[in-house]
Amino acid sequence: IHSFIESKKAWIERSIHKFQNVKKTHIPENISNGGTVKILDSRYVVFLYYGNENKIIKDGYNLYIYSKKYQNIKYVKKQYEAYLKESAKEYFENVIDKYYPIFALYNIPRPSLEVKKMRSKWGSCIPAKKRIMLNVCLFKSSVDCIEYVVLHELAHLLYNGHKKNFYSFLLKHMPDYRSI
């Protein structure tokens, strides 16, 4: 056990350093006038307005939330979460479309996608049901990270677990995945 840990020492130290830096730069989301939210690794300033219909418009680095109940923050947060989930699903579907041709070569049916809030995972795959689940919070991270997670979960349609052939497949189709 000690020799294994020693052989992974550099990776462990890099991972700890990365984790510590993420904690330092984490800015909580604030759904209020002048608050900020993160979408696709970019910060957007939130502006709340009354609207006859609920809608959200992203323009530059501004997010305009029009709401029938714009002064009820709980209501507006639910509206934003629904928008985020819908936007994430659309974006993730496009990423799946980008990588699916690789899997079509193996006669694997295109998986269905479910987007939901997950506590401890970016995603998961149920190969028997041809279904991929992705965390809505993944939509806040970088494009590279999203593409890696999607490819990772799609790869589980071919390979169970995280064995050598699984990582060889990832390396073949995303040679720089380790640096993401």
Foldseek 3Di string as FASTA:
>chain_A
DVVVCVVCVVVVVVVVVVVVVCVVPDDDADADQQTWDFFQQAIAGEHEAADPDWDWDCDDRYIYTHYPCRVPSVVSVVSVVVVLQVVLQVVLVVLLVVPVVVVVVVVQDQAAEAEEADDPDQKAEDLVRSYIYGYSCCRRYHPLSSSLVSLLRVLCNVPPDDDPVSVVVSCVVPVCNVVD
